């Protein structure tokens, strides 16, 4: 009887955990799994106020070397009364990326706008966060390629100067 009860509790906890994870991973304006097209109709590349960086952003190795195999792009569109933002992670070059972790949120170190363990297949793979209304967005992307760890955090208030 005790074993059966422990098994039922464990199964319930596992199901709850997987359901919660599915909600986080599934956040996307384009599809249930977060994949989106490289070109987003009606959106423009926005310029967040990030010192010394320009869009698209590329993850860096510890020695400052960029990996051009991926891009982080902040998109925006002004709308009546408020602005909308989203982050896109693009896989532009197949270079053996592994241990991919991407997160996007409304505040630093959050993932309320989505998180992913993949950014699609190169050269056209892309993953998009959920849409947020406002002028601030935070994102991070990290992975390993060729035995080197790469990462980037892109966040800031968007100035709505579009490219």
N, C-alpha and C. Protein backbone atom coordinates (compact mmCIF):
# COMPACT_ATOMS: atom_id res chain seq x y z
N UNK A 1 0.83 -1.18 0.00
CA UNK A 1 0.00 0.00 0.00
C UNK A 1 0.88 1.25 0.00
N UNK A 2 1.91 1.29 0.84
CA UNK A 2 2.79 2.46 0.91
C UNK A 2 3.51 2.68 -0.42
N UNK A 3 3.98 1.60 -1.07
CA UNK A 3 4.67 1.71 -2.34
C UNK A 3 3.73 2.26 -3.41
N UNK A 4 2.48 1.80 -3.42
CA UNK A 4 1.51 2.27 -4.39
C UNK A 4 1.26 3.77 -4.19
N UNK A 5 1.16 4.24 -2.95
CA UNK A 5 0.92 5.65 -2.66
C UNK A 5 2.12 6.49 -3.09
N UNK A 6 3.35 6.02 -2.81
CA UNK A 6 4.55 6.74 -3.22
C UNK A 6 4.65 6.82 -4.75
N UNK A 7 4.28 5.73 -5.41
CA UNK A 7 4.30 5.73 -6.87
C UNK A 7 3.30 6.74 -7.42
N UNK A 8 2.11 6.81 -6.85
CA UNK A 8 1.09 7.75 -7.31
C UNK A 8 1.54 9.19 -7.09
N UNK A 9 2.14 9.48 -5.93
CA UNK A 9 2.64 10.83 -5.64
C UNK A 9 3.76 11.19 -6.62
N UNK A 10 4.67 10.26 -6.85
CA UNK A 10 5.78 10.51 -7.78
C UNK A 10 5.28 10.77 -9.20
N UNK A 11 4.32 9.97 -9.65
CA UNK A 11 3.76 10.15 -10.99
C UNK A 11 3.08 11.51 -11.12
N UNK A 12 2.36 11.92 -10.07
CA UNK A 12 1.69 13.22 -10.08
C UNK A 12 2.70 14.35 -10.15
N UNK A 13 3.79 14.26 -9.36
CA UNK A 13 4.82 15.29 -9.39
C UNK A 13 5.50 15.35 -10.76
N UNK A 14 5.78 14.21 -11.36
CA UNK A 14 6.41 14.18 -12.66
C UNK A 14 5.51 14.80 -13.72
N UNK A 15 4.23 14.46 -13.71
CA UNK A 15 3.28 15.01 -14.67
C UNK A 15 3.16 16.52 -14.52
N UNK A 16 3.12 17.00 -13.27
CA UNK A 16 3.04 18.43 -13.00
C UNK A 16 4.28 19.14 -13.52
N UNK A 17 5.45 18.56 -13.28
CA UNK A 17 6.70 19.16 -13.75
C UNK A 17 6.75 19.22 -15.26
N UNK A 18 6.38 18.15 -15.94
CA UNK A 18 6.40 18.13 -17.40
C UNK A 18 5.39 19.10 -17.98
N UNK A 19 4.24 19.23 -17.36
CA UNK A 19 3.24 20.17 -17.83
C UNK A 19 3.74 21.60 -17.69
N UNK A 20 4.36 21.92 -16.56
CA UNK A 20 4.90 23.27 -16.36
C UNK A 20 5.99 23.56 -17.38
N UNK A 21 6.87 22.59 -17.64
CA UNK A 21 7.94 22.77 -18.61
C UNK A 21 7.36 23.00 -20.00
N UNK A 22 6.33 22.27 -20.34
CA UNK A 22 5.70 22.45 -21.65
C UNK A 22 5.14 23.84 -21.83
N UNK A 23 4.63 24.44 -20.78
CA UNK A 23 4.11 25.80 -20.86
C UNK A 23 5.26 26.76 -21.14
N UNK A 24 6.39 26.58 -20.46
CA UNK A 24 7.53 27.47 -20.67
C UNK A 24 8.11 27.33 -22.07
N UNK A 25 8.32 26.12 -22.52
CA UNK A 25 8.96 25.88 -23.79
C UNK A 25 8.04 26.27 -24.94
N UNK A 26 6.73 26.16 -24.75
CA UNK A 26 5.79 26.40 -25.83
C UNK A 26 5.47 27.85 -26.10
N UNK A 27 5.99 28.80 -25.34
CA UNK A 27 5.63 30.19 -25.54
C UNK A 27 6.17 30.71 -26.85
N UNK A 28 5.29 31.16 -27.75
CA UNK A 28 5.74 31.65 -29.05
C UNK A 28 4.62 32.35 -29.78
N UNK A 29 4.96 33.38 -30.54
CA UNK A 29 3.92 34.00 -31.35
C UNK A 29 3.65 33.24 -32.65
N UNK A 30 4.55 32.33 -33.01
CA UNK A 30 4.46 31.72 -34.33
C UNK A 30 3.95 30.29 -34.32
N UNK A 31 4.30 29.50 -33.32
CA UNK A 31 3.87 28.11 -33.28
C UNK A 31 3.98 27.60 -31.86
N UNK A 32 3.38 26.44 -31.63
CA UNK A 32 3.36 25.89 -30.28
C UNK A 32 4.74 25.51 -29.76
N UNK A 33 5.69 25.21 -30.65
CA UNK A 33 7.00 24.78 -30.18
C UNK A 33 8.03 25.91 -30.18
N UNK A 34 7.65 27.14 -30.53
CA UNK A 34 8.55 28.27 -30.48
C UNK A 34 9.27 28.57 -31.78
N UNK A 35 9.25 27.63 -32.75
CA UNK A 35 9.91 27.91 -34.02
C UNK A 35 9.14 28.99 -34.75
N UNK A 36 9.86 29.82 -35.48
CA UNK A 36 9.23 30.89 -36.23
C UNK A 36 10.02 31.13 -37.51
N UNK A 37 9.43 31.80 -38.48
CA UNK A 37 10.18 32.09 -39.70
C UNK A 37 11.27 33.12 -39.44
N UNK A 38 12.31 33.11 -40.25
CA UNK A 38 13.40 34.10 -40.10
C UNK A 38 12.90 35.52 -40.30
N UNK A 39 11.98 35.71 -41.21
CA UNK A 39 11.42 37.03 -41.47
C UNK A 39 10.03 37.09 -40.85
N UNK A 40 9.82 38.07 -40.01
CA UNK A 40 8.55 38.20 -39.30
C UNK A 40 7.75 39.35 -39.92
N UNK A 41 6.72 39.02 -40.61
CA UNK A 41 5.89 40.00 -41.29
C UNK A 41 5.29 40.99 -40.28
N UNK A 42 5.42 42.28 -40.57
CA UNK A 42 4.87 43.31 -39.71
C UNK A 42 5.79 43.75 -38.58
N UNK A 43 6.93 43.08 -38.41
CA UNK A 43 7.89 43.42 -37.36
C UNK A 43 9.12 44.07 -37.98
N UNK A 44 9.80 44.91 -37.21
CA UNK A 44 11.04 45.52 -37.66
C UNK A 44 12.12 45.27 -36.61
N UNK A 45 13.38 45.19 -37.07
CA UNK A 45 14.48 45.03 -36.12
C UNK A 45 14.58 46.30 -35.30
N UNK A 46 14.53 46.14 -33.99
CA UNK A 46 14.58 47.28 -33.08
C UNK A 46 15.98 47.42 -32.51
N UNK A 47 16.28 48.57 -31.97
CA UNK A 47 17.60 48.81 -31.40
C UNK A 47 17.48 48.98 -29.89
N UNK A 48 17.81 47.93 -29.13
CA UNK A 48 17.81 48.11 -27.68
C UNK A 48 19.00 48.96 -27.26
N UNK A 49 18.87 49.62 -26.13
CA UNK A 49 19.96 50.43 -25.60
C UNK A 49 20.97 49.52 -24.91
N UNK A 50 21.84 48.90 -25.68
CA UNK A 50 22.86 48.00 -25.15
C UNK A 50 24.22 48.60 -25.51
N UNK A 51 24.95 49.01 -24.51
CA UNK A 51 26.22 49.70 -24.73
C UNK A 51 27.19 48.87 -25.55
N UNK A 52 27.71 49.48 -26.62
CA UNK A 52 28.76 48.86 -27.40
C UNK A 52 28.34 47.70 -28.28
N UNK A 53 27.06 47.44 -28.41
CA UNK A 53 26.60 46.32 -29.24
C UNK A 53 25.60 46.82 -30.27
N UNK A 54 25.58 46.18 -31.41
CA UNK A 54 24.60 46.48 -32.43
C UNK A 54 23.89 45.21 -32.84
N UNK A 55 22.69 45.35 -33.37
CA UNK A 55 21.90 44.22 -33.79
C UNK A 55 22.28 43.84 -35.22
N UNK A 56 22.37 42.56 -35.58
CA UNK A 56 22.14 41.41 -34.72
C UNK A 56 23.30 41.19 -33.74
N UNK A 57 22.97 40.62 -32.61
CA UNK A 57 23.96 40.33 -31.57
C UNK A 57 24.44 38.90 -31.75
N UNK A 58 25.73 38.67 -31.52
CA UNK A 58 26.31 37.33 -31.63
C UNK A 58 26.87 36.91 -30.28
N UNK A 59 26.61 35.67 -29.86
CA UNK A 59 27.22 35.18 -28.62
C UNK A 59 28.75 35.21 -28.71
N UNK A 60 29.40 35.42 -27.58
CA UNK A 60 30.85 35.53 -27.51
C UNK A 60 31.45 34.42 -26.67
N UNK A 61 32.69 34.04 -27.01
CA UNK A 61 33.47 33.13 -26.18
C UNK A 61 34.08 33.94 -25.05
N UNK A 62 34.68 33.28 -24.07
CA UNK A 62 35.30 33.96 -22.93
C UNK A 62 36.40 34.93 -23.37
N UNK A 63 37.06 34.64 -24.51
CA UNK A 63 38.12 35.52 -24.99
C UNK A 63 37.60 36.66 -25.88
N UNK A 64 36.27 36.80 -25.97
CA UNK A 64 35.67 37.89 -26.74
C UNK A 64 35.42 37.58 -28.20
N UNK A 65 35.76 36.37 -28.63
CA UNK A 65 35.57 35.97 -30.03
C UNK A 65 34.09 35.67 -30.28
N UNK A 66 33.47 36.32 -31.29
CA UNK A 66 32.06 36.07 -31.57
C UNK A 66 31.87 34.77 -32.35
N UNK A 67 30.72 34.14 -32.15
CA UNK A 67 30.33 33.01 -32.98
C UNK A 67 29.29 33.52 -33.96
N UNK A 68 29.63 33.55 -35.23
CA UNK A 68 28.72 34.06 -36.25
C UNK A 68 27.70 33.01 -36.68
N UNK A 69 27.69 31.86 -36.00
CA UNK A 69 26.75 30.79 -36.31
C UNK A 69 25.37 31.00 -35.74
N UNK A 70 25.18 32.04 -34.94
CA UNK A 70 23.86 32.35 -34.41
C UNK A 70 23.72 33.86 -34.25
N UNK A 71 22.49 34.30 -34.16
CA UNK A 71 22.19 35.71 -33.97
C UNK A 71 21.05 35.87 -32.98
N UNK A 72 21.10 36.97 -32.25
CA UNK A 72 20.00 37.35 -31.37
C UNK A 72 19.47 38.67 -31.93
N UNK A 73 18.19 38.68 -32.26
CA UNK A 73 17.59 39.87 -32.84
C UNK A 73 16.38 40.28 -32.01
N UNK A 74 16.32 41.57 -31.68
CA UNK A 74 15.16 42.12 -30.98
C UNK A 74 14.27 42.77 -32.03
N UNK A 75 13.02 42.34 -32.08
CA UNK A 75 12.04 42.90 -33.00
C UNK A 75 11.05 43.75 -32.22
N UNK A 76 10.53 44.75 -32.88
CA UNK A 76 9.51 45.58 -32.27
C UNK A 76 8.53 46.08 -33.30
N UNK A 77 7.41 46.53 -32.78
CA UNK A 77 6.43 47.23 -33.61
C UNK A 77 5.60 48.12 -32.70
N UNK A 78 5.58 49.40 -33.04
CA UNK A 78 4.73 50.29 -32.27
C UNK A 78 3.27 49.97 -32.58
N UNK A 79 2.45 50.05 -31.59
CA UNK A 79 1.02 49.83 -31.80
C UNK A 79 0.26 50.90 -31.02
N UNK A 80 -0.99 51.00 -31.27
CA UNK A 80 -1.81 52.03 -30.63
C UNK A 80 -1.74 51.89 -29.11
N UNK A 81 -1.21 52.90 -28.46
CA UNK A 81 -1.18 52.91 -27.00
C UNK A 81 0.03 52.27 -26.37
N UNK A 82 0.65 51.28 -27.01
CA UNK A 82 1.83 50.65 -26.43
C UNK A 82 2.65 50.02 -27.54
N UNK A 83 3.85 49.61 -27.21
CA UNK A 83 4.72 48.97 -28.18
C UNK A 83 4.81 47.48 -27.89
N UNK A 84 5.15 46.70 -28.90
CA UNK A 84 5.30 45.26 -28.75
C UNK A 84 6.73 44.87 -29.08
N UNK A 85 7.28 43.91 -28.33
CA UNK A 85 8.64 43.42 -28.52
C UNK A 85 8.65 41.90 -28.52
N UNK A 86 9.64 41.33 -29.19
CA UNK A 86 9.94 39.91 -29.06
C UNK A 86 11.40 39.71 -29.43
N UNK A 87 11.96 38.58 -28.99
CA UNK A 87 13.35 38.24 -29.29
C UNK A 87 13.35 37.01 -30.18
N UNK A 88 14.23 37.02 -31.18
CA UNK A 88 14.40 35.88 -32.06
C UNK A 88 15.84 35.37 -31.94
N UNK A 89 16.01 34.06 -31.72
CA UNK A 89 17.31 33.41 -31.78
C UNK A 89 17.38 32.72 -33.13
N UNK A 90 18.41 33.03 -33.93
CA UNK A 90 18.57 32.43 -35.26
C UNK A 90 19.78 31.50 -35.27
N UNK A 91 19.61 30.35 -35.90
CA UNK A 91 20.71 29.42 -36.13
C UNK A 91 21.15 29.60 -37.57
N UNK A 92 22.20 30.39 -37.80
CA UNK A 92 22.59 30.76 -39.14
C UNK A 92 23.65 29.85 -39.76
N UNK A 93 24.32 29.06 -38.93
CA UNK A 93 25.40 28.23 -39.43
C UNK A 93 25.49 26.94 -38.62
N UNK A 94 25.52 25.80 -39.32
CA UNK A 94 25.67 24.52 -38.63
C UNK A 94 27.12 24.39 -38.17
N UNK A 95 27.32 24.42 -36.86
CA UNK A 95 28.69 24.28 -36.33
C UNK A 95 28.71 23.40 -35.08
N UNK A 96 27.76 22.48 -34.99
CA UNK A 96 27.76 21.52 -33.90
C UNK A 96 27.32 22.09 -32.56
N UNK A 97 26.42 23.05 -32.55
CA UNK A 97 25.95 23.62 -31.29
C UNK A 97 25.34 22.53 -30.42
N UNK A 98 25.67 22.58 -29.15
CA UNK A 98 25.08 21.65 -28.18
C UNK A 98 24.84 22.41 -26.89
N UNK A 99 24.08 21.81 -25.99
CA UNK A 99 23.75 22.42 -24.70
C UNK A 99 23.17 23.83 -24.87
N UNK A 100 22.28 23.98 -25.84
CA UNK A 100 21.66 25.27 -26.12
C UNK A 100 20.66 25.61 -25.02
N UNK A 101 20.78 26.82 -24.49
CA UNK A 101 19.82 27.33 -23.53
C UNK A 101 19.51 28.78 -23.91
N UNK A 102 18.26 29.03 -24.24
CA UNK A 102 17.81 30.38 -24.56
C UNK A 102 16.66 30.76 -23.65
N UNK A 103 16.70 31.98 -23.13
CA UNK A 103 15.64 32.46 -22.23
C UNK A 103 15.31 33.90 -22.56
N UNK A 104 14.03 34.24 -22.44
CA UNK A 104 13.58 35.61 -22.69
C UNK A 104 12.54 35.98 -21.64
N UNK A 105 12.66 37.21 -21.11
CA UNK A 105 11.72 37.64 -20.09
C UNK A 105 11.49 39.14 -20.07
N UNK A 106 10.54 39.52 -19.23
CA UNK A 106 10.20 40.94 -19.04
C UNK A 106 11.13 41.63 -18.06
N UNK A 107 11.90 40.83 -17.32
CA UNK A 107 12.84 41.40 -16.35
C UNK A 107 14.11 40.55 -16.36
N UNK A 108 15.18 41.08 -15.78
CA UNK A 108 16.47 40.39 -15.78
C UNK A 108 16.38 38.99 -15.20
N UNK A 109 17.03 38.04 -15.85
CA UNK A 109 17.11 36.63 -15.44
C UNK A 109 15.76 35.92 -15.38
N UNK A 110 14.79 36.39 -16.13
CA UNK A 110 13.49 35.71 -16.12
C UNK A 110 13.28 34.98 -17.45
N UNK A 111 12.31 34.11 -17.48
CA UNK A 111 12.00 33.38 -18.70
C UNK A 111 10.49 33.33 -18.93
N UNK A 112 9.80 34.37 -18.45
CA UNK A 112 8.34 34.36 -18.58
C UNK A 112 7.87 34.55 -20.02
N UNK A 113 8.74 34.95 -20.93
CA UNK A 113 8.37 35.07 -22.34
C UNK A 113 8.86 33.89 -23.16
N UNK A 114 9.44 32.88 -22.51
CA UNK A 114 9.82 31.66 -23.20
C UNK A 114 11.23 31.21 -22.88
N UNK A 115 11.44 29.92 -23.04
CA UNK A 115 12.77 29.35 -22.93
C UNK A 115 12.84 28.16 -23.86
N UNK A 116 14.06 27.89 -24.36
CA UNK A 116 14.21 26.83 -25.35
C UNK A 116 15.54 26.12 -25.18
N UNK A 117 15.61 24.91 -25.67
CA UNK A 117 16.85 24.14 -25.70
C UNK A 117 17.31 23.93 -27.13
N UNK A 118 16.65 24.58 -28.10
CA UNK A 118 17.04 24.46 -29.50
C UNK A 118 16.62 25.72 -30.25
N UNK A 119 17.35 26.06 -31.28
CA UNK A 119 16.98 27.23 -32.08
C UNK A 119 16.75 26.84 -33.54
N UNK A 120 16.44 25.57 -33.77
CA UNK A 120 16.15 25.11 -35.11
C UNK A 120 17.40 24.77 -35.90
N UNK A 121 17.21 24.21 -37.06
CA UNK A 121 18.31 23.76 -37.89
C UNK A 121 18.85 24.91 -38.75
N UNK A 122 20.18 24.98 -38.86
CA UNK A 122 20.82 25.99 -39.71
C UNK A 122 20.61 25.61 -41.17
N UNK A 123 20.58 26.52 -42.08
CA UNK A 123 20.84 27.95 -41.90
C UNK A 123 19.59 28.80 -41.69
N UNK A 124 18.41 28.19 -41.66
CA UNK A 124 17.19 28.98 -41.58
C UNK A 124 16.42 28.81 -40.28
N UNK A 125 16.96 28.05 -39.34
CA UNK A 125 16.25 27.82 -38.08
C UNK A 125 16.13 29.09 -37.26
N UNK A 126 14.99 29.24 -36.62
CA UNK A 126 14.77 30.39 -35.75
C UNK A 126 13.75 30.03 -34.68
N UNK A 127 13.92 30.62 -33.51
CA UNK A 127 13.00 30.46 -32.38
C UNK A 127 12.61 31.85 -31.92
N UNK A 128 11.34 32.05 -31.61
CA UNK A 128 10.85 33.36 -31.16
C UNK A 128 10.21 33.26 -29.79
N UNK A 129 10.41 34.31 -29.02
CA UNK A 129 9.78 34.41 -27.71
C UNK A 129 8.32 34.81 -27.87
N UNK A 130 7.62 34.84 -26.78
CA UNK A 130 6.28 35.42 -26.77
C UNK A 130 6.41 36.92 -26.90
N UNK A 131 5.31 37.56 -27.24
CA UNK A 131 5.28 39.01 -27.42
C UNK A 131 5.03 39.67 -26.07
N UNK A 132 5.72 40.78 -25.83
CA UNK A 132 5.49 41.56 -24.63
C UNK A 132 5.11 42.98 -25.06
N UNK A 133 4.20 43.58 -24.32
CA UNK A 133 3.84 44.98 -24.52
C UNK A 133 4.70 45.81 -23.59
N UNK A 134 5.40 46.80 -24.12
CA UNK A 134 6.25 47.64 -23.29
C UNK A 134 7.51 48.02 -24.03
N UNK A 135 8.52 48.51 -23.28
CA UNK A 135 9.75 48.96 -23.92
C UNK A 135 10.99 48.27 -23.38
N UNK A 136 10.86 47.28 -22.48
CA UNK A 136 12.03 46.59 -21.92
C UNK A 136 11.90 45.09 -22.18
N UNK A 137 13.03 44.48 -22.57
CA UNK A 137 13.06 43.03 -22.76
C UNK A 137 14.46 42.52 -22.39
N UNK A 138 14.53 41.30 -21.86
CA UNK A 138 15.80 40.67 -21.45
C UNK A 138 15.90 39.32 -22.14
N UNK A 139 17.12 38.96 -22.61
CA UNK A 139 17.30 37.64 -23.21
C UNK A 139 18.72 37.14 -22.97
N UNK A 140 18.86 35.83 -22.98
CA UNK A 140 20.19 35.22 -22.92
C UNK A 140 20.20 33.98 -23.79
N UNK A 141 21.34 33.75 -24.43
CA UNK A 141 21.53 32.57 -25.26
C UNK A 141 22.92 32.03 -24.97
N UNK A 142 23.02 30.74 -24.68
CA UNK A 142 24.31 30.12 -24.46
C UNK A 142 24.32 28.73 -25.09
N UNK A 143 25.51 28.29 -25.48
CA UNK A 143 25.69 26.96 -26.06
C UNK A 143 27.18 26.67 -26.19
N UNK A 144 27.48 25.45 -26.62
CA UNK A 144 28.85 25.06 -26.91
C UNK A 144 28.95 24.71 -28.38
N UNK A 145 30.07 25.07 -29.00
CA UNK A 145 30.33 24.72 -30.40
C UNK A 145 31.83 24.52 -30.56
N UNK A 146 32.23 23.39 -31.09
CA UNK A 146 33.64 23.11 -31.30
C UNK A 146 34.44 23.11 -30.01
N UNK A 147 33.81 22.67 -28.91
CA UNK A 147 34.49 22.64 -27.62
C UNK A 147 34.62 23.98 -26.93
N UNK A 148 34.02 25.03 -27.48
CA UNK A 148 34.08 26.37 -26.90
C UNK A 148 32.69 26.78 -26.43
N UNK A 149 32.61 27.39 -25.25
CA UNK A 149 31.34 27.90 -24.73
C UNK A 149 31.13 29.33 -25.21
N UNK A 150 29.92 29.59 -25.68
CA UNK A 150 29.54 30.92 -26.15
C UNK A 150 28.30 31.38 -25.39
N UNK A 151 28.18 32.68 -25.22
CA UNK A 151 26.99 33.20 -24.55
C UNK A 151 26.82 34.68 -24.78
N UNK A 152 25.59 35.13 -24.61
CA UNK A 152 25.27 36.55 -24.74
C UNK A 152 24.03 36.85 -23.93
N UNK A 153 24.02 38.02 -23.34
CA UNK A 153 22.83 38.56 -22.71
C UNK A 153 22.53 39.87 -23.43
N UNK A 154 21.33 39.97 -23.94
CA UNK A 154 20.90 41.19 -24.63
C UNK A 154 19.65 41.67 -23.92
N UNK A 155 19.73 42.87 -23.39
CA UNK A 155 18.58 43.42 -22.70
C UNK A 155 18.63 44.93 -22.77
N UNK A 156 17.53 45.52 -22.50
CA UNK A 156 17.50 46.97 -22.44
C UNK A 156 16.15 47.52 -22.86
N UNK A 157 16.07 48.81 -22.74
CA UNK A 157 14.89 49.53 -23.21
C UNK A 157 15.06 49.74 -24.70
N UNK A 158 14.02 49.59 -25.44
CA UNK A 158 14.09 49.73 -26.88
C UNK A 158 13.77 51.16 -27.25
N UNK A 159 14.62 51.73 -28.08
CA UNK A 159 14.48 53.12 -28.46
C UNK A 159 13.53 53.32 -29.63
N UNK A 160 13.11 52.24 -30.25
CA UNK A 160 12.23 52.27 -31.41
C UNK A 160 12.82 53.05 -32.56
N UNK A 161 14.14 52.86 -32.74
CA UNK A 161 14.82 53.29 -33.96
C UNK A 161 15.00 52.00 -34.72
N UNK A 162 14.32 51.85 -35.81
CA UNK A 162 14.34 50.57 -36.52
C UNK A 162 15.35 50.60 -37.64
N UNK A 163 15.88 49.41 -37.97
CA UNK A 163 16.84 49.25 -39.09
C UNK A 163 16.07 48.93 -40.33
